[in-house]
Protein backbone atom coordinates (compact mmCIF):
# COMPACT_ATOMS: atom_id res chain seq x y z
CA MET A 1 -39.73 18.06 -30.68
CA LYS A 2 -40.17 15.88 -33.72
CA LYS A 3 -42.62 17.03 -36.36
CA VAL A 4 -45.62 14.73 -36.42
CA LEU A 5 -46.93 14.30 -39.94
CA SER A 6 -50.63 13.79 -40.44
CA SER A 7 -51.55 11.80 -43.54
CA PRO A 8 -54.44 13.26 -45.53
CA ASP A 9 -57.64 11.31 -44.98
CA ALA A 10 -60.25 11.82 -47.65
CA ASN A 11 -62.79 9.93 -45.55
CA ARG A 12 -62.27 11.84 -42.29
CA GLU A 13 -65.55 13.74 -42.58
CA ALA A 14 -67.47 10.53 -43.32
CA LYS A 15 -65.90 8.86 -40.28
CA LEU A 16 -66.86 11.76 -38.02
CA GLN A 17 -70.40 11.68 -39.37
CA ALA A 18 -70.63 7.92 -38.76
CA PHE A 19 -69.45 8.34 -35.17
CA ASP A 20 -71.91 11.19 -34.63
CA ARG A 21 -74.68 8.94 -35.99
CA LEU A 22 -73.79 6.24 -33.47
CA LEU A 23 -73.85 8.78 -30.62
CA SER A 24 -77.27 10.00 -31.76
CA ILE A 25 -78.69 6.48 -32.00
CA MET A 26 -77.30 5.65 -28.55
CA ASP A 27 -79.01 8.72 -27.10
CA GLU A 28 -82.31 7.76 -28.74
CA LEU A 29 -82.13 4.15 -27.55
CA ARG A 30 -81.28 5.19 -24.02
CA GLU A 31 -84.31 7.46 -23.98
CA ASN A 32 -86.84 5.26 -25.78
CA CYS A 33 -85.93 1.54 -25.63
CA PRO A 34 -86.99 -0.34 -22.46
CA TRP A 35 -84.00 -2.71 -22.65
CA ASP A 36 -81.43 0.01 -23.29
CA LYS A 37 -82.90 2.24 -20.56
CA LYS A 38 -82.48 -0.58 -18.03
CA GLN A 39 -78.77 -1.27 -18.62
CA THR A 40 -76.01 -0.36 -16.15
CA LEU A 41 -72.23 -0.47 -16.21
CA GLU A 42 -72.44 -3.79 -14.37
CA SER A 43 -75.12 -5.38 -16.57
CA LEU A 44 -73.14 -4.62 -19.76
CA ARG A 45 -69.92 -6.12 -18.41
CA HIS A 46 -70.54 -9.78 -19.21
CA LEU A 47 -71.95 -8.85 -22.62
CA THR A 48 -68.79 -6.91 -23.44
CA ILE A 49 -66.65 -9.90 -22.49
CA GLU A 50 -68.77 -12.09 -24.78
CA GLU A 51 -68.44 -9.62 -27.66
CA THR A 52 -64.66 -9.51 -27.18
CA TYR A 53 -64.43 -13.29 -27.48
CA GLU A 54 -66.64 -13.21 -30.58
CA LEU A 55 -64.23 -10.69 -32.14
CA SER A 56 -61.35 -12.98 -31.20
CA ASP A 57 -63.07 -15.92 -32.92
CA ALA A 58 -63.66 -13.88 -36.07
CA ILE A 59 -59.99 -12.85 -36.18
CA LEU A 60 -58.79 -16.44 -35.80
CA GLU A 61 -61.19 -17.54 -38.55
CA GLY A 62 -59.95 -14.76 -40.81
CA ASP A 63 -63.56 -13.68 -41.36
CA VAL A 64 -63.16 -10.01 -42.30
CA ALA A 65 -66.89 -9.34 -42.62
CA GLU A 66 -67.51 -10.75 -39.14
CA ILE A 67 -64.55 -8.79 -37.72
CA LYS A 68 -66.27 -5.62 -38.98
CA ASN A 69 -69.55 -6.66 -37.33
CA GLU A 70 -67.92 -7.51 -33.99
CA LEU A 71 -65.94 -4.26 -33.97
CA GLY A 72 -69.26 -2.47 -34.40
CA ASP A 73 -70.71 -4.33 -31.42
CA LEU A 74 -67.73 -3.36 -29.28
CA MET A 75 -67.88 0.25 -30.47
CA LEU A 76 -71.53 0.34 -29.38
CA HIS A 77 -70.54 -0.93 -25.93
CA LEU A 78 -67.88 1.77 -25.53
CA VAL A 79 -70.38 4.48 -26.43
CA PHE A 80 -72.98 2.84 -24.15
CA TYR A 81 -70.62 2.89 -21.13
CA SER A 82 -69.79 6.52 -21.82
CA ARG A 83 -73.47 7.50 -22.06
CA ILE A 84 -74.26 5.79 -18.72
CA ALA A 85 -71.25 7.47 -17.09
CA ALA A 86 -72.45 10.85 -18.39
CA GLU A 87 -75.81 10.26 -16.72
CA LEU A 88 -73.93 9.53 -13.50
CA LYS A 89 -72.04 12.80 -14.01
CA ALA A 90 -68.74 10.87 -13.91
CA PHE A 91 -67.42 11.44 -17.47
CA ASP A 92 -68.61 11.38 -21.07
CA VAL A 93 -67.28 10.11 -24.39
CA THR A 94 -65.30 13.35 -24.91
CA ASP A 95 -63.40 12.71 -21.68
CA VAL A 96 -62.77 9.10 -22.73
CA LEU A 97 -61.32 10.08 -26.10
CA HIS A 98 -59.18 12.90 -24.73
CA SER A 99 -57.93 10.58 -21.98
CA ILE A 100 -56.62 7.96 -24.42
CA CYS A 101 -55.18 10.67 -26.70
CA ASP A 102 -53.31 12.25 -23.77
CA LYS A 103 -52.01 8.84 -22.70
CA LEU A 104 -50.78 7.99 -26.20
CA VAL A 105 -48.94 11.31 -26.53
CA GLU A 106 -47.38 10.94 -23.07
CA ARG A 107 -46.23 7.35 -23.67
CA HIS A 108 -44.78 7.97 -27.13
CA PRO A 109 -42.08 10.56 -26.40
CA HIS A 110 -40.11 9.20 -29.37
CA VAL A 111 -42.92 10.48 -31.60
CA TYR A 112 -44.22 13.52 -29.69
CA GLY A 113 -41.04 14.47 -27.83
CA ASP A 114 -37.27 14.22 -28.05
CA ALA A 115 -36.76 10.63 -26.87
CA ILE A 116 -35.16 8.12 -29.24
CA ALA A 117 -36.58 4.64 -29.81
CA ASN A 118 -35.57 2.80 -32.96
CA ASP A 119 -36.98 -0.62 -32.12
CA GLU A 120 -40.03 -2.23 -30.55
CA GLU A 121 -38.27 -3.34 -27.36
CA THR A 122 -37.14 0.21 -26.54
CA VAL A 123 -40.67 1.51 -27.09
CA LYS A 124 -42.08 -1.10 -24.69
CA ALA A 125 -39.39 -0.43 -22.10
CA ASN A 126 -40.07 3.33 -22.25
CA TRP A 127 -43.80 2.64 -21.90
CA GLU A 128 -43.33 0.70 -18.64
CA LYS A 129 -40.92 3.27 -17.20
CA ILE A 130 -43.35 6.11 -17.93
CA LYS A 131 -46.15 4.19 -16.21
CA LEU A 132 -44.01 3.84 -13.08
CA ARG A 133 -43.21 7.55 -13.13
CA THR A 134 -46.88 8.47 -13.43
CA GLY A 135 -48.23 6.58 -10.43
CA ASN A 136 -48.02 2.83 -10.96
CA LYS A 137 -46.34 1.16 -7.98
CA SER A 138 -45.59 -2.06 -9.86
CA VAL A 139 -44.79 -2.95 -13.45
CA LEU A 140 -47.37 -5.74 -13.12
CA GLU A 141 -50.15 -3.44 -11.88
CA GLY A 142 -51.70 -3.17 -15.32
CA VAL A 143 -52.31 -6.92 -15.71
CA PRO A 144 -56.05 -7.48 -15.13
CA LYS A 145 -56.79 -9.95 -12.33
CA THR A 146 -59.58 -11.60 -14.30
CA LEU A 147 -57.57 -12.36 -17.44
CA PRO A 148 -57.55 -16.04 -18.45
CA ALA A 149 -54.48 -17.63 -16.85
CA LEU A 150 -52.70 -18.37 -20.14
CA VAL A 151 -53.09 -14.80 -21.38
CA LYS A 152 -52.14 -13.45 -17.96
CA ALA A 153 -48.89 -15.47 -17.92
CA MET A 154 -47.94 -13.98 -21.30
CA ARG A 155 -48.72 -10.43 -20.16
CA ILE A 156 -46.82 -10.84 -16.87
CA GLN A 157 -43.72 -12.08 -18.68
CA ASP A 158 -43.97 -9.41 -21.36
CA LYS A 159 -44.21 -6.62 -18.79
CA ALA A 160 -41.27 -7.99 -16.78
CA ARG A 161 -39.26 -8.09 -20.01
CA GLY A 162 -40.10 -4.42 -20.56
CA VAL A 163 -37.88 -3.45 -17.60
CA GLY A 164 -35.12 -5.93 -18.42
CA PHE A 165 -36.14 -8.88 -16.21
CA ASP A 166 -35.84 -11.72 -18.71
CA TRP A 167 -33.69 -14.53 -20.01
CA GLU A 168 -30.98 -13.61 -22.50
CA LYS A 169 -31.32 -16.57 -24.88
CA LYS A 170 -34.14 -18.92 -25.85
CA GLU A 171 -31.87 -21.88 -25.09
CA GLN A 172 -31.88 -20.85 -21.43
CA VAL A 173 -35.67 -20.77 -21.46
CA TRP A 174 -35.84 -24.26 -22.98
CA GLU A 175 -33.52 -25.57 -20.29
CA LYS A 176 -36.00 -24.17 -17.76
CA VAL A 177 -38.84 -25.98 -19.55
CA GLU A 178 -36.96 -29.27 -19.31
CA GLU A 179 -36.14 -28.62 -15.65
CA GLU A 180 -39.80 -27.98 -14.84
CA MET A 181 -40.82 -31.09 -16.79
CA GLN A 182 -38.53 -33.24 -14.65
CA GLU A 183 -39.88 -31.67 -11.46
CA PHE A 184 -43.44 -32.36 -12.57
CA LYS A 185 -42.59 -35.96 -13.47
CA ARG A 186 -41.17 -36.50 -10.01
CA GLU A 187 -44.48 -35.37 -8.48
CA PHE A 188 -46.62 -37.24 -10.98
CA ASN A 189 -44.79 -40.51 -11.54
CA ALA A 190 -46.99 -42.75 -13.68
CA GLU A 191 -44.93 -45.82 -12.76
CA SER A 192 -45.34 -45.36 -9.03
CA ASN A 193 -48.20 -46.81 -6.98
CA GLU A 194 -47.81 -44.22 -4.26
CA PRO A 195 -50.67 -41.68 -3.88
CA ILE A 196 -50.16 -38.42 -5.74
CA ASP A 197 -49.83 -35.17 -3.85
CA GLN A 198 -52.36 -33.26 -5.95
CA ARG A 199 -51.39 -29.87 -4.55
CA ARG A 200 -47.72 -30.36 -5.35
CA ALA A 201 -48.46 -31.91 -8.74
CA MET A 202 -50.70 -28.95 -9.67
CA GLU A 203 -48.03 -26.49 -8.54
CA GLU A 204 -45.35 -28.17 -10.63
CA PHE A 205 -47.70 -28.40 -13.63
CA GLY A 206 -48.36 -24.67 -13.30
CA ASP A 207 -44.61 -24.02 -13.29
CA LEU A 208 -44.25 -26.15 -16.42
CA LEU A 209 -47.02 -24.28 -18.23
CA PHE A 210 -45.54 -20.92 -17.20
CA SER A 211 -42.14 -21.91 -18.59
CA LEU A 212 -43.72 -23.15 -21.85
CA VAL A 213 -45.53 -19.82 -22.22
CA ASN A 214 -42.19 -18.11 -21.65
CA TYR A 215 -40.55 -20.15 -24.41
CA ALA A 216 -43.47 -19.48 -26.75
CA ARG A 217 -43.00 -15.76 -26.14
CA PHE A 218 -39.30 -16.03 -26.95
CA ILE A 219 -40.02 -17.62 -30.33
CA GLN A 220 -42.87 -15.15 -30.98
CA ILE A 221 -45.78 -17.57 -30.65
CA ASP A 222 -48.93 -16.41 -28.88
CA PRO A 223 -49.73 -19.40 -26.63
CA GLU A 224 -53.41 -18.47 -26.28
CA GLU A 225 -53.84 -18.29 -30.04
CA ALA A 226 -51.83 -21.48 -30.56
CA LEU A 227 -53.98 -23.42 -28.09
CA GLU A 228 -57.22 -22.00 -29.50
CA ARG A 229 -56.20 -23.02 -33.02
CA THR A 230 -55.56 -26.53 -31.71
CA ASN A 231 -58.97 -26.48 -29.98
CA LYS A 232 -60.64 -25.54 -33.26
CA LYS A 233 -58.71 -28.23 -35.12
CA PHE A 234 -59.75 -30.89 -32.60
CA ILE A 235 -63.41 -29.79 -32.78
CA LYS A 236 -63.36 -29.95 -36.58
CA ARG A 237 -61.82 -33.43 -36.60
CA PHE A 238 -64.09 -34.78 -33.88
CA GLN A 239 -67.22 -33.48 -35.60
CA PHE A 240 -66.02 -35.14 -38.82
CA LEU A 241 -65.64 -38.38 -36.85
CA GLU A 242 -69.19 -38.02 -35.52
CA LYS A 243 -70.66 -37.30 -38.96
CA GLU A 244 -68.81 -40.07 -40.78
CA SER A 245 -69.51 -42.70 -38.12
CA LEU A 246 -73.21 -41.82 -38.36
CA LYS A 247 -73.06 -42.24 -42.14
CA ALA A 248 -71.53 -45.68 -41.59
CA GLY A 249 -74.43 -46.61 -39.31
CA LYS A 250 -72.32 -46.64 -36.17
CA ASN A 251 -73.11 -45.16 -32.75
CA ILE A 252 -70.03 -43.27 -31.61
CA GLY A 253 -70.72 -44.11 -27.97
CA GLU A 254 -70.55 -47.82 -28.79
CA MET A 255 -67.49 -47.79 -31.07
CA THR A 256 -64.07 -49.05 -30.03
CA LEU A 257 -61.14 -46.66 -29.97
CA ALA A 258 -59.64 -48.49 -32.96
CA GLU A 259 -62.85 -47.92 -34.95
CA MET A 260 -62.88 -44.24 -34.06
CA ASP A 261 -59.21 -43.90 -34.99
CA VAL A 262 -60.04 -44.91 -38.58
CA PHE A 263 -62.28 -41.87 -38.98
CA TRP A 264 -59.88 -39.69 -36.98
CA GLU A 265 -57.07 -40.44 -39.44
CA LYS A 266 -59.39 -39.56 -42.33
CA ALA A 267 -60.22 -36.28 -40.60
CA LYS A 268 -56.50 -35.44 -40.32
CA LEU A 269 -56.11 -35.89 -44.05
CA LYS A 270 -58.74 -33.20 -44.63
CA ASP A 271 -56.85 -30.49 -42.67
């Protein structure tokens, strides 16, 4: 077995004390705060999803102070779930922490065992194989059903790649993108007066998006992040358009597209 080196951490005691403080505060709130006493695993769920998206926003904005704040909110939620589970006599935070530690040791045999993995792809492949050996019936079992579709497509493809089911070259993936584009165009022909088969058009559009996500993965672009950055860019430009048109005494709802384009081009120059 490889020797696992532990780097000295001068702040370890302070970190343990901070975590103990959070546990103590959680216990006090659960006992004494009407709102905290009322919460359940189910009632916290949508709040946790919201906090996760807020963390994602802070990361995309590069706002380090806000990242710290949002991580704190999520840490609170993790402790909160564990406290509720302890009351239900299901598990407690100790079980949660030991569970993830055991999983990490088991799935990193190249660090804690005798396996060899000198690159990221081998590590990921080993991870998926270990999951299959330890009870998973499908490589895709770990993809949450409620993930946003764009993120889910990326995770599905990434997991399939982990067991070798993937294209060999990015050129092959781009050919697939072009193939799917042609199939979509045949279903959604803008020059035709014939009624569109919406079901077929949606299916082909889904295939096109899936292939674009695949290509993005091949060139190491996160499609969810790429689209969200474009969303933010559009919002910034459109709000500039609204503000500048108001300054010019114009009502955006009554402007022509050509008039709006003038401000839109100015907004692009400010990026």
